[in-house]
Amino acid sequence: MLPQCVDAISQAFDTAWQEIAGNFGDHTQRIKAPCFRLANAVLSIADEDTRNVQVLKRVALLRMALDYRGD
């Protein structure tokens, strides 16, 4: 994967997590599962052409929300 893609994925994860982290408290064990889900959501939609951080973040948060709904 190109370095620009990896940077965009990393930024998308970080900005998305900042947006939702407050919903999960600050206990390490409580944070692990949603953090892992977000990482999976970001990676599941990323590809070699991924460069738009905002689109990647928005779609990852949507996918994560839909995953929670399915539980």
PDB file of N, CA and C in Angstrom:
ATOM      1  N   MET A   1       0.841  -1.169   0.000  1.00  0.00           N
ATOM      2  CA  MET A   1       0.000   0.000   0.000  1.00  0.00           C
ATOM      3  C   MET A   1       0.894   1.243   0.000  1.00  0.00           C
ATOM      4  N   LEU A   2       0.492   2.246  -0.697  1.00  0.00           N
ATOM      5  CA  LEU A   2       1.270   3.480  -0.793  1.00  0.00           C
ATOM      6  C   LEU A   2       1.279   4.226   0.539  1.00  0.00           C
ATOM      7  N   PRO A   3       2.375   4.925   0.827  1.00  0.00           N
ATOM      8  CA  PRO A   3       2.455   5.675   2.093  1.00  0.00           C
ATOM      9  C   PRO A   3       1.321   6.679   2.269  1.00  0.00           C
ATOM     10  N   GLN A   4       0.873   7.309   1.165  1.00  0.00           N
ATOM     11  CA  GLN A   4      -0.222   8.272   1.264  1.00  0.00           C
ATOM     12  C   GLN A   4      -1.512   7.591   1.709  1.00  0.00           C
ATOM     13  N   CYS A   5      -1.718   6.361   1.258  1.00  0.00           N
ATOM     14  CA  CYS A   5      -2.904   5.595   1.644  1.00  0.00           C
ATOM     15  C   CYS A   5      -2.852   5.238   3.122  1.00  0.00           C
ATOM     16  N   VAL A   6      -1.693   4.804   3.567  1.00  0.00           N
ATOM     17  CA  VAL A   6      -1.521   4.447   4.977  1.00  0.00           C
ATOM     18  C   VAL A   6      -1.731   5.678   5.857  1.00  0.00           C
ATOM     19  N   ASP A   7      -1.222   6.819   5.434  1.00  0.00           N
ATOM     20  CA  ASP A   7      -1.421   8.065   6.179  1.00  0.00           C
ATOM     21  C   ASP A   7      -2.898   8.427   6.255  1.00  0.00           C
ATOM     22  N   ALA A   8      -3.601   8.302   5.142  1.00  0.00           N
ATOM     23  CA  ALA A   8      -5.036   8.629   5.123  1.00  0.00           C
ATOM     24  C   ALA A   8      -5.820   7.686   6.032  1.00  0.00           C
ATOM     25  N   ILE A   9      -5.495   6.410   5.999  1.00  0.00           N
ATOM     26  CA  ILE A   9      -6.167   5.428   6.855  1.00  0.00           C
ATOM     27  C   ILE A   9      -5.918   5.763   8.318  1.00  0.00           C
ATOM     28  N   SER A  10      -4.684   6.063   8.647  1.00  0.00           N
ATOM     29  CA  SER A  10      -4.329   6.403  10.025  1.00  0.00           C
ATOM     30  C   SER A  10      -5.041   7.661  10.498  1.00  0.00           C
ATOM     31  N   GLN A  11      -5.062   8.685   9.668  1.00  0.00           N
ATOM     32  CA  GLN A  11      -5.744   9.931  10.012  1.00  0.00           C
ATOM     33  C   GLN A  11      -7.244   9.722  10.145  1.00  0.00           C
ATOM     34  N   ALA A  12      -7.820   8.931   9.256  1.00  0.00           N
ATOM     35  CA  ALA A  12      -9.257   8.659   9.320  1.00  0.00           C
ATOM     36  C   ALA A  12      -9.600   7.950  10.617  1.00  0.00           C
ATOM     37  N   PHE A  13      -8.790   6.952  10.982  1.00  0.00           N
ATOM     38  CA  PHE A  13      -9.035   6.251  12.243  1.00  0.00           C
ATOM     39  C   PHE A  13      -8.923   7.219  13.416  1.00  0.00           C
ATOM     40  N   ASP A  14      -7.845   7.990  13.467  1.00  0.00           N
ATOM     41  CA  ASP A  14      -7.621   8.897  14.589  1.00  0.00           C
ATOM     42  C   ASP A  14      -8.737   9.926  14.729  1.00  0.00           C
ATOM     43  N   THR A  15      -9.151  10.537  13.631  1.00  0.00           N
ATOM     44  CA  THR A  15     -10.198  11.559  13.722  1.00  0.00           C
ATOM     45  C   THR A  15     -11.551  10.933  14.047  1.00  0.00           C
ATOM     46  N   ALA A  16     -11.823   9.761  13.516  1.00  0.00           N
ATOM     47  CA  ALA A  16     -13.072   9.076  13.842  1.00  0.00           C
ATOM     48  C   ALA A  16     -13.094   8.691  15.320  1.00  0.00           C
ATOM     49  N   TRP A  17     -11.991   8.161  15.819  1.00  0.00           N
ATOM     50  CA  TRP A  17     -11.932   7.761  17.223  1.00  0.00           C
ATOM     51  C   TRP A  17     -12.119   8.971  18.138  1.00  0.00           C
ATOM     52  N   GLN A  18     -11.506  10.092  17.810  1.00  0.00           N
ATOM     53  CA  GLN A  18     -11.684  11.311  18.605  1.00  0.00           C
ATOM     54  C   GLN A  18     -13.156  11.700  18.664  1.00  0.00           C
ATOM     55  N   GLU A  19     -13.853  11.481  17.577  1.00  0.00           N
ATOM     56  CA  GLU A  19     -15.265  11.849  17.496  1.00  0.00           C
ATOM     57  C   GLU A  19     -16.152  10.952  18.365  1.00  0.00           C
ATOM     58  N   ILE A  20     -15.801   9.688  18.505  1.00  0.00           N
ATOM     59  CA  ILE A  20     -16.687   8.751  19.204  1.00  0.00           C
ATOM     60  C   ILE A  20     -16.150   8.233  20.534  1.00  0.00           C
ATOM     61  N   ALA A  21     -14.907   8.497  20.849  1.00  0.00           N
ATOM     62  CA  ALA A  21     -14.276   7.918  22.047  1.00  0.00           C
ATOM     63  C   ALA A  21     -15.056   8.223  23.322  1.00  0.00           C
ATOM     64  N   GLY A  22     -15.628   9.392  23.424  1.00  0.00           N
ATOM     65  CA  GLY A  22     -16.373   9.781  24.618  1.00  0.00           C
ATOM     66  C   GLY A  22     -17.574   8.894  24.902  1.00  0.00           C
ATOM     67  N   ASN A  23     -18.038   8.177  23.909  1.00  0.00           N
ATOM     68  CA  ASN A  23     -19.191   7.284  24.090  1.00  0.00           C
ATOM     69  C   ASN A  23     -18.829   5.997  24.822  1.00  0.00           C
ATOM     70  N   PHE A  24     -17.557   5.726  24.990  1.00  0.00           N
ATOM     71  CA  PHE A  24     -17.124   4.440  25.528  1.00  0.00           C
ATOM     72  C   PHE A  24     -16.397   4.540  26.863  1.00  0.00           C
ATOM     73  N   GLY A  25     -16.363   5.716  27.454  1.00  0.00           N
ATOM     74  CA  GLY A  25     -15.718   5.879  28.745  1.00  0.00           C
ATOM     75  C   GLY A  25     -14.206   5.882  28.619  1.00  0.00           C
ATOM     76  N   ASP A  26     -13.549   5.658  29.761  1.00  0.00           N
ATOM     77  CA  ASP A  26     -12.088   5.690  29.731  1.00  0.00           C
ATOM     78  C   ASP A  26     -11.463   4.426  30.315  1.00  0.00           C
ATOM     79  N   HIS A  27     -12.259   3.431  30.535  1.00  0.00           N
ATOM     80  CA  HIS A  27     -11.745   2.159  31.043  1.00  0.00           C
ATOM     81  C   HIS A  27     -11.144   1.373  29.880  1.00  0.00           C
ATOM     82  N   THR A  28      -9.911   0.945  30.036  1.00  0.00           N
ATOM     83  CA  THR A  28      -9.173   0.282  28.957  1.00  0.00           C
ATOM     84  C   THR A  28      -9.928  -0.910  28.380  1.00  0.00           C
ATOM     85  N   GLN A  29     -10.502  -1.728  29.213  1.00  0.00           N
ATOM     86  CA  GLN A  29     -11.213  -2.918  28.730  1.00  0.00           C
ATOM     87  C   GLN A  29     -12.463  -2.543  27.930  1.00  0.00           C
ATOM     88  N   ARG A  30     -13.125  -1.459  28.308  1.00  0.00           N
ATOM     89  CA  ARG A  30     -14.321  -1.020  27.585  1.00  0.00           C
ATOM     90  C   ARG A  30     -13.982  -0.395  26.236  1.00  0.00           C
ATOM     91  N   ILE A  31     -12.804   0.145  26.127  1.00  0.00           N
ATOM     92  CA  ILE A  31     -12.392   0.837  24.905  1.00  0.00           C
ATOM     93  C   ILE A  31     -11.905  -0.141  23.841  1.00  0.00           C
ATOM     94  N   LYS A  32     -11.340  -1.260  24.231  1.00  0.00           N
ATOM     95  CA  LYS A  32     -10.711  -2.184  23.277  1.00  0.00           C
ATOM     96  C   LYS A  32     -11.652  -2.645  22.167  1.00  0.00           C
ATOM     97  N   ALA A  33     -12.838  -3.106  22.518  1.00  0.00           N
ATOM     98  CA  ALA A  33     -13.751  -3.654  21.505  1.00  0.00           C
ATOM     99  C   ALA A  33     -14.191  -2.606  20.482  1.00  0.00           C
ATOM    100  N   PRO A  34     -14.672  -1.422  20.908  1.00  0.00           N
ATOM    101  CA  PRO A  34     -15.060  -0.437  19.888  1.00  0.00           C
ATOM    102  C   PRO A  34     -13.879   0.089  19.077  1.00  0.00           C
ATOM    103  N   CYS A  35     -12.717   0.177  19.705  1.00  0.00           N
ATOM    104  CA  CYS A  35     -11.526   0.614  18.981  1.00  0.00           C
ATOM    105  C   CYS A  35     -11.179  -0.403  17.888  1.00  0.00           C
ATOM    106  N   PHE A  36     -11.250  -1.666  18.243  1.00  0.00           N
ATOM    107  CA  PHE A  36     -11.001  -2.745  17.280  1.00  0.00           C
ATOM    108  C   PHE A  36     -12.049  -2.720  16.163  1.00  0.00           C
ATOM    109  N   ARG A  37     -13.300  -2.490  16.526  1.00  0.00           N
ATOM    110  CA  ARG A  37     -14.367  -2.411  15.510  1.00  0.00           C
ATOM    111  C   ARG A  37     -14.131  -1.266  14.544  1.00  0.00           C
ATOM    112  N   LEU A  38     -13.730  -0.126  15.073  1.00  0.00           N
ATOM    113  CA  LEU A  38     -13.458   1.013  14.202  1.00  0.00           C
ATOM    114  C   LEU A  38     -12.291   0.712  13.276  1.00  0.00           C
ATOM    115  N   ALA A  39     -11.243   0.128  13.807  1.00  0.00           N
ATOM    116  CA  ALA A  39     -10.098  -0.225  12.967  1.00  0.00           C
ATOM    117  C   ALA A  39     -10.522  -1.167  11.849  1.00  0.00           C
ATOM    118  N   ASN A  40     -11.330  -2.164  12.182  1.00  0.00           N
ATOM    119  CA  ASN A  40     -11.829  -3.086  11.158  1.00  0.00           C
ATOM    120  C   ASN A  40     -12.692  -2.368  10.131  1.00  0.00           C
ATOM    121  N   ALA A  41     -13.515  -1.436  10.599  1.00  0.00           N
ATOM    122  CA  ALA A  41     -14.378  -0.691   9.677  1.00  0.00           C
ATOM    123  C   ALA A  41     -13.543   0.132   8.702  1.00  0.00           C
ATOM    124  N   VAL A  42     -12.540   0.817   9.217  1.00  0.00           N
ATOM    125  CA  VAL A  42     -11.677   1.633   8.349  1.00  0.00           C
ATOM    126  C   VAL A  42     -10.947   0.746   7.342  1.00  0.00           C
ATOM    127  N   LEU A  43     -10.369  -0.320   7.828  1.00  0.00           N
ATOM    128  CA  LEU A  43      -9.607  -1.202   6.940  1.00  0.00           C
ATOM    129  C   LEU A  43     -10.485  -1.921   5.929  1.00  0.00           C
ATOM    130  N   SER A  44     -11.730  -2.185   6.284  1.00  0.00           N
ATOM    131  CA  SER A  44     -12.611  -2.909   5.371  1.00  0.00           C
ATOM    132  C   SER A  44     -13.007  -2.081   4.154  1.00  0.00           C
ATOM    133  N   ILE A  45     -12.922  -0.762   4.275  1.00  0.00           N
ATOM    134  CA  ILE A  45     -13.313   0.082   3.141  1.00  0.00           C
ATOM    135  C   ILE A  45     -12.117   0.742   2.463  1.00  0.00           C
ATOM    136  N   ALA A  46     -10.949   0.589   3.043  1.00  0.00           N
ATOM    137  CA  ALA A  46      -9.744   1.194   2.463  1.00  0.00           C
ATOM    138  C   ALA A  46      -9.235   0.359   1.292  1.00  0.00           C
ATOM    139  N   ASP A  47      -8.626   1.043   0.341  1.00  0.00           N
ATOM    140  CA  ASP A  47      -7.987   0.352  -0.767  1.00  0.00           C
ATOM    141  C   ASP A  47      -6.794   1.174  -1.248  1.00  0.00           C
ATOM    142  N   GLU A  48      -6.188   0.757  -2.302  1.00  0.00           N
ATOM    143  CA  GLU A  48      -4.988   1.418  -2.827  1.00  0.00           C
ATOM    144  C   GLU A  48      -5.234   2.882  -3.216  1.00  0.00           C
ATOM    145  N   ASP A  49      -6.481   3.245  -3.499  1.00  0.00           N
ATOM    146  CA  ASP A  49      -6.799   4.607  -3.927  1.00  0.00           C
ATOM    147  C   ASP A  49      -7.271   5.493  -2.786  1.00  0.00           C
ATOM    148  N   THR A  50      -7.236   4.978  -1.573  1.00  0.00           N
ATOM    149  CA  THR A  50      -7.719   5.723  -0.417  1.00  0.00           C
ATOM    150  C   THR A  50      -6.813   6.908  -0.133  1.00  0.00           C
ATOM    151  N   ARG A  51      -7.409   8.092  -0.197  1.00  0.00           N
ATOM    152  CA  ARG A  51      -6.644   9.290   0.134  1.00  0.00           C
ATOM    153  C   ARG A  51      -7.502  10.348   0.813  1.00  0.00           C
ATOM    154  N   ASN A  52      -8.822  10.281   0.658  1.00  0.00           N
ATOM    155  CA  ASN A  52      -9.710  11.282   1.233  1.00  0.00           C
ATOM    156  C   ASN A  52     -10.061  10.886   2.668  1.00  0.00           C
ATOM    157  N   VAL A  53      -9.415  11.552   3.614  1.00  0.00           N
ATOM    158  CA  VAL A  53      -9.566  11.207   5.029  1.00  0.00           C
ATOM    159  C   VAL A  53     -11.004  11.382   5.488  1.00  0.00           C
ATOM    160  N   GLN A  54     -11.639  12.470   5.102  1.00  0.00           N
ATOM    161  CA  GLN A  54     -13.004  12.739   5.574  1.00  0.00           C
ATOM    162  C   GLN A  54     -14.009  11.712   5.063  1.00  0.00           C
ATOM    163  N   VAL A  55     -13.891  11.334   3.812  1.00  0.00           N
ATOM    164  CA  VAL A  55     -14.799  10.317   3.263  1.00  0.00           C
ATOM    165  C   VAL A  55     -14.551   8.974   3.944  1.00  0.00           C
ATOM    166  N   LEU A  56     -13.315   8.614   4.097  1.00  0.00           N
ATOM    167  CA  LEU A  56     -12.972   7.359   4.748  1.00  0.00           C
ATOM    168  C   LEU A  56     -13.495   7.337   6.183  1.00  0.00           C
ATOM    169  N   LYS A  57     -13.307   8.422   6.905  1.00  0.00           N
ATOM    170  CA  LYS A  57     -13.793   8.522   8.282  1.00  0.00           C
ATOM    171  C   LYS A  57     -15.311   8.381   8.332  1.00  0.00           C
ATOM    172  N   ARG A  58     -16.005   9.123   7.492  1.00  0.00           N
ATOM    173  CA  ARG A  58     -17.475   9.116   7.492  1.00  0.00           C
ATOM    174  C   ARG A  58     -18.029   7.730   7.171  1.00  0.00           C
ATOM    175  N   VAL A  59     -17.476   7.081   6.166  1.00  0.00           N
ATOM    176  CA  VAL A  59     -17.956   5.759   5.772  1.00  0.00           C
ATOM    177  C   VAL A  59     -17.608   4.718   6.847  1.00  0.00           C
ATOM    178  N   ALA A  60     -16.439   4.836   7.458  1.00  0.00           N
ATOM    179  CA  ALA A  60     -16.059   3.902   8.527  1.00  0.00           C
ATOM    180  C   ALA A  60     -16.999   4.045   9.723  1.00  0.00           C
ATOM    181  N   LEU A  61     -17.339   5.277  10.101  1.00  0.00           N
ATOM    182  CA  LEU A  61     -18.264   5.476  11.216  1.00  0.00           C
ATOM    183  C   LEU A  61     -19.651   4.935  10.880  1.00  0.00           C
ATOM    184  N   LEU A  62     -20.073   5.101   9.642  1.00  0.00           N
ATOM    185  CA  LEU A  62     -21.353   4.550   9.222  1.00  0.00           C
ATOM    186  C   LEU A  62     -21.328   3.031   9.281  1.00  0.00           C
ATOM    187  N   ARG A  63     -20.281   2.435   8.773  1.00  0.00           N
ATOM    188  CA  ARG A  63     -20.166   0.971   8.811  1.00  0.00           C
ATOM    189  C   ARG A  63     -20.143   0.485  10.251  1.00  0.00           C
ATOM    190  N   MET A  64     -19.420   1.166  11.108  1.00  0.00           N
ATOM    191  CA  MET A  64     -19.353   0.767  12.514  1.00  0.00           C
ATOM    192  C   MET A  64     -20.737   0.864  13.155  1.00  0.00           C
ATOM    193  N   ALA A  65     -21.454   1.926  12.882  1.00  0.00           N
ATOM    194  CA  ALA A  65     -22.810   2.084  13.427  1.00  0.00           C
ATOM    195  C   ALA A  65     -23.730   0.959  12.934  1.00  0.00           C
ATOM    196  N   LEU A  66     -23.627   0.633  11.672  1.00  0.00           N
ATOM    197  CA  LEU A  66     -24.447  -0.451  11.126  1.00  0.00           C
ATOM    198  C   LEU A  66     -24.072  -1.798  11.751  1.00  0.00           C
ATOM    199  N   ASP A  67     -22.796  -1.999  12.014  1.00  0.00           N
ATOM    200  CA  ASP A  67     -22.354  -3.235  12.671  1.00  0.00           C
ATOM    201  C   ASP A  67     -22.944  -3.333  14.071  1.00  0.00           C
ATOM    202  N   TYR A  68     -22.955  -2.220  14.804  1.00  0.00           N
ATOM    203  CA  TYR A  68     -23.538  -2.224  16.147  1.00  0.00           C
ATOM    204  C   TYR A  68     -25.041  -2.496  16.094  1.00  0.00           C
ATOM    205  N   ARG A  69     -25.691  -1.952  15.088  1.00  0.00           N
ATOM    206  CA  ARG A  69     -27.133  -2.174  14.928  1.00  0.00           C
ATOM    207  C   ARG A  69     -27.446  -3.642  14.697  1.00  0.00           C
ATOM    208  N   GLY A  70     -26.534  -4.317  13.992  1.00  0.00           N
ATOM    209  CA  GLY A  70     -26.739  -5.719  13.664  1.00  0.00           C
ATOM    210  C   GLY A  70     -26.544  -6.657  14.848  1.00  0.00           C
ATOM    211  N   ASP A  71     -25.903  -6.162  15.896  1.00  0.00           N
ATOM    212  CA  ASP A  71     -25.645  -7.011  17.076  1.00  0.00           C
ATOM    213  C   ASP A  71     -26.889  -7.236  17.897  1.00  0.00           C
TER     214      ASP A  71
END
